[in-house]
Amino acid sequence: MASLILMTSTEWQKSSFSEAASNCVEVRARKGAVELRESDEGEVIVRTTRLKFSAFLEAAKAGEFDHLTTAP
């Protein structure tokens, strides 16, 4: 079961792995939800629940999406 994200910042945040890159995914907590956007296309925002975002992060960390990052 996914653990609840305790993110409270309403400012856009990006991963420390992104360093100075401007083409990364940013995330923030807003109005009880989690929002994501690409930093280079900020007008498109994906909104989801904290629980669903937690489940996604756990799946990504477990490697469930690794097949999408490699060429066929």
N, C-alpha and C. Protein backbone atom coordinates (compact mmCIF):
# COMPACT_ATOMS: atom_id res chain seq x y z
N MET A 1 0.84 -1.18 0.00
CA MET A 1 0.00 0.00 0.00
C MET A 1 0.88 1.24 0.00
N ALA A 2 0.46 2.26 -0.70
CA ALA A 2 1.22 3.50 -0.81
C ALA A 2 1.17 4.28 0.49
N SER A 3 2.28 4.94 0.81
CA SER A 3 2.28 5.83 1.97
C SER A 3 1.91 7.23 1.50
N LEU A 4 1.33 8.00 2.38
CA LEU A 4 0.85 9.33 2.03
C LEU A 4 2.00 10.31 1.91
N ILE A 5 2.01 11.11 0.84
CA ILE A 5 3.00 12.15 0.64
C ILE A 5 2.70 13.29 1.61
N LEU A 6 3.69 13.77 2.34
CA LEU A 6 3.49 14.86 3.27
C LEU A 6 4.12 16.14 2.73
N MET A 7 3.91 16.38 1.47
CA MET A 7 4.44 17.56 0.81
C MET A 7 3.52 18.74 1.11
N THR A 8 4.09 19.85 1.57
CA THR A 8 3.26 20.98 1.95
C THR A 8 3.56 22.25 1.15
N SER A 9 4.63 22.28 0.41
CA SER A 9 5.00 23.49 -0.31
C SER A 9 4.10 23.72 -1.51
N THR A 10 3.64 24.98 -1.66
CA THR A 10 2.85 25.33 -2.83
C THR A 10 3.73 25.88 -3.95
N GLU A 11 5.03 25.99 -3.71
CA GLU A 11 5.99 26.43 -4.72
C GLU A 11 6.41 25.23 -5.56
N TRP A 12 6.64 25.44 -6.85
CA TRP A 12 7.10 24.36 -7.71
C TRP A 12 8.47 23.90 -7.25
N GLN A 13 8.66 22.58 -7.17
CA GLN A 13 9.93 21.98 -6.77
C GLN A 13 10.38 21.02 -7.86
N LYS A 14 11.70 20.90 -8.02
CA LYS A 14 12.21 19.90 -8.95
C LYS A 14 13.26 19.06 -8.24
N SER A 15 13.52 17.91 -8.78
CA SER A 15 14.45 16.98 -8.19
C SER A 15 15.85 17.56 -8.14
N SER A 16 16.59 17.22 -7.10
CA SER A 16 17.99 17.65 -7.01
C SER A 16 18.83 17.00 -8.11
N PHE A 17 18.33 15.91 -8.71
CA PHE A 17 19.03 15.27 -9.82
C PHE A 17 18.99 16.13 -11.08
N SER A 18 18.07 17.09 -11.14
CA SER A 18 17.93 17.94 -12.31
C SER A 18 19.01 19.01 -12.38
N GLU A 19 19.61 19.34 -11.26
CA GLU A 19 20.63 20.38 -11.15
C GLU A 19 20.12 21.66 -11.81
N ALA A 20 20.86 22.19 -12.77
CA ALA A 20 20.50 23.46 -13.41
C ALA A 20 19.66 23.25 -14.67
N ALA A 21 19.33 22.02 -14.99
CA ALA A 21 18.57 21.74 -16.22
C ALA A 21 17.20 22.39 -16.17
N SER A 22 16.75 22.87 -17.31
CA SER A 22 15.43 23.51 -17.36
C SER A 22 14.36 22.57 -17.92
N ASN A 23 14.75 21.39 -18.35
CA ASN A 23 13.78 20.44 -18.91
C ASN A 23 13.58 19.27 -17.94
N CYS A 24 12.85 19.54 -16.89
CA CYS A 24 12.62 18.51 -15.88
C CYS A 24 11.16 18.57 -15.42
N VAL A 25 10.78 17.61 -14.63
CA VAL A 25 9.43 17.59 -14.06
C VAL A 25 9.46 18.33 -12.73
N GLU A 26 8.49 19.20 -12.53
CA GLU A 26 8.35 19.94 -11.28
C GLU A 26 7.07 19.48 -10.59
N VAL A 27 7.03 19.59 -9.28
CA VAL A 27 5.88 19.13 -8.51
C VAL A 27 5.59 20.12 -7.39
N ARG A 28 4.32 20.20 -7.00
CA ARG A 28 3.93 21.03 -5.85
C ARG A 28 2.63 20.50 -5.26
N ALA A 29 2.39 20.86 -4.01
CA ALA A 29 1.13 20.54 -3.34
C ALA A 29 0.24 21.76 -3.46
N ARG A 30 -1.03 21.54 -3.83
CA ARG A 30 -1.93 22.67 -3.99
C ARG A 30 -3.37 22.21 -3.78
N LYS A 31 -4.06 22.88 -2.89
CA LYS A 31 -5.48 22.62 -2.63
C LYS A 31 -5.76 21.14 -2.39
N GLY A 32 -4.94 20.50 -1.56
CA GLY A 32 -5.17 19.11 -1.20
C GLY A 32 -4.77 18.09 -2.25
N ALA A 33 -4.14 18.54 -3.32
CA ALA A 33 -3.73 17.63 -4.40
C ALA A 33 -2.24 17.82 -4.68
N VAL A 34 -1.72 17.01 -5.60
CA VAL A 34 -0.36 17.15 -6.08
C VAL A 34 -0.44 17.50 -7.56
N GLU A 35 0.33 18.51 -7.97
CA GLU A 35 0.36 18.93 -9.37
C GLU A 35 1.76 18.72 -9.93
N LEU A 36 1.81 18.29 -11.19
CA LEU A 36 3.07 18.08 -11.89
C LEU A 36 3.06 18.84 -13.20
N ARG A 37 4.24 19.28 -13.62
CA ARG A 37 4.38 19.93 -14.93
C ARG A 37 5.82 19.77 -15.41
N GLU A 38 6.01 19.94 -16.70
CA GLU A 38 7.36 19.98 -17.26
C GLU A 38 7.81 21.42 -17.18
N SER A 39 9.02 21.64 -16.72
CA SER A 39 9.48 23.01 -16.52
C SER A 39 9.56 23.81 -17.81
N ASP A 40 9.79 23.14 -18.93
CA ASP A 40 9.87 23.86 -20.20
C ASP A 40 8.52 24.02 -20.89
N GLU A 41 7.45 23.43 -20.34
CA GLU A 41 6.10 23.59 -20.86
C GLU A 41 5.15 23.74 -19.68
N GLY A 42 5.31 24.82 -18.94
CA GLY A 42 4.62 25.02 -17.68
C GLY A 42 3.12 25.23 -17.76
N GLU A 43 2.59 25.44 -18.96
CA GLU A 43 1.15 25.67 -19.07
C GLU A 43 0.34 24.37 -18.98
N VAL A 44 0.98 23.23 -19.13
CA VAL A 44 0.30 21.94 -19.01
C VAL A 44 0.56 21.39 -17.61
N ILE A 45 -0.50 21.27 -16.82
CA ILE A 45 -0.38 20.80 -15.44
C ILE A 45 -1.24 19.56 -15.25
N VAL A 46 -0.64 18.52 -14.69
CA VAL A 46 -1.36 17.28 -14.36
C VAL A 46 -1.63 17.33 -12.86
N ARG A 47 -2.88 17.07 -12.49
CA ARG A 47 -3.28 17.11 -11.10
C ARG A 47 -3.75 15.72 -10.66
N THR A 48 -3.32 15.30 -9.47
CA THR A 48 -3.71 13.99 -8.95
C THR A 48 -3.82 14.05 -7.42
N THR A 49 -4.28 12.97 -6.84
CA THR A 49 -4.38 12.92 -5.38
C THR A 49 -3.00 12.58 -4.81
N ARG A 50 -2.82 12.88 -3.54
CA ARG A 50 -1.57 12.54 -2.87
C ARG A 50 -1.37 11.03 -2.82
N LEU A 51 -2.43 10.29 -2.59
CA LEU A 51 -2.32 8.84 -2.50
C LEU A 51 -1.91 8.23 -3.85
N LYS A 52 -2.51 8.70 -4.94
CA LYS A 52 -2.14 8.19 -6.26
C LYS A 52 -0.72 8.57 -6.62
N PHE A 53 -0.29 9.78 -6.24
CA PHE A 53 1.08 10.21 -6.51
C PHE A 53 2.07 9.34 -5.72
N SER A 54 1.72 9.03 -4.48
CA SER A 54 2.57 8.15 -3.66
C SER A 54 2.71 6.78 -4.31
N ALA A 55 1.61 6.24 -4.80
CA ALA A 55 1.64 4.93 -5.46
C ALA A 55 2.50 4.98 -6.72
N PHE A 56 2.40 6.06 -7.48
CA PHE A 56 3.22 6.23 -8.68
C PHE A 56 4.71 6.27 -8.32
N LEU A 57 5.06 7.05 -7.30
CA LEU A 57 6.46 7.14 -6.90
C LEU A 57 7.01 5.80 -6.44
N GLU A 58 6.23 5.07 -5.67
CA GLU A 58 6.68 3.76 -5.22
C GLU A 58 6.88 2.81 -6.40
N ALA A 59 5.99 2.86 -7.38
CA ALA A 59 6.12 2.01 -8.56
C ALA A 59 7.36 2.40 -9.37
N ALA A 60 7.60 3.69 -9.51
CA ALA A 60 8.77 4.16 -10.25
C ALA A 60 10.06 3.72 -9.55
N LYS A 61 10.10 3.85 -8.23
CA LYS A 61 11.27 3.43 -7.48
C LYS A 61 11.50 1.93 -7.58
N ALA A 62 10.44 1.17 -7.72
CA ALA A 62 10.53 -0.30 -7.83
C ALA A 62 10.89 -0.75 -9.23
N GLY A 63 10.98 0.19 -10.18
CA GLY A 63 11.38 -0.17 -11.54
C GLY A 63 10.26 -0.58 -12.46
N GLU A 64 9.01 -0.36 -12.06
CA GLU A 64 7.88 -0.79 -12.89
C GLU A 64 7.79 -0.08 -14.24
N PHE A 65 8.43 1.06 -14.39
CA PHE A 65 8.36 1.80 -15.64
C PHE A 65 9.68 1.82 -16.40
N ASP A 66 10.66 1.06 -15.93
CA ASP A 66 11.97 1.06 -16.56
C ASP A 66 11.92 0.69 -18.04
N HIS A 67 10.98 -0.18 -18.40
CA HIS A 67 10.89 -0.60 -19.81
C HIS A 67 10.52 0.58 -20.73
N LEU A 68 9.99 1.66 -20.18
CA LEU A 68 9.63 2.82 -21.00
C LEU A 68 10.82 3.73 -21.30
N THR A 69 11.94 3.50 -20.62
CA THR A 69 13.11 4.35 -20.81
C THR A 69 14.17 3.74 -21.71
N THR A 70 13.92 2.55 -22.22
CA THR A 70 14.87 1.89 -23.09
C THR A 70 14.27 1.70 -24.48
N ALA A 71 15.12 1.73 -25.47
CA ALA A 71 14.67 1.53 -26.85
C ALA A 71 14.27 0.07 -27.05
N PRO A 72 13.24 -0.19 -27.87
CA PRO A 72 12.82 -1.57 -28.13
C PRO A 72 13.85 -2.36 -28.89
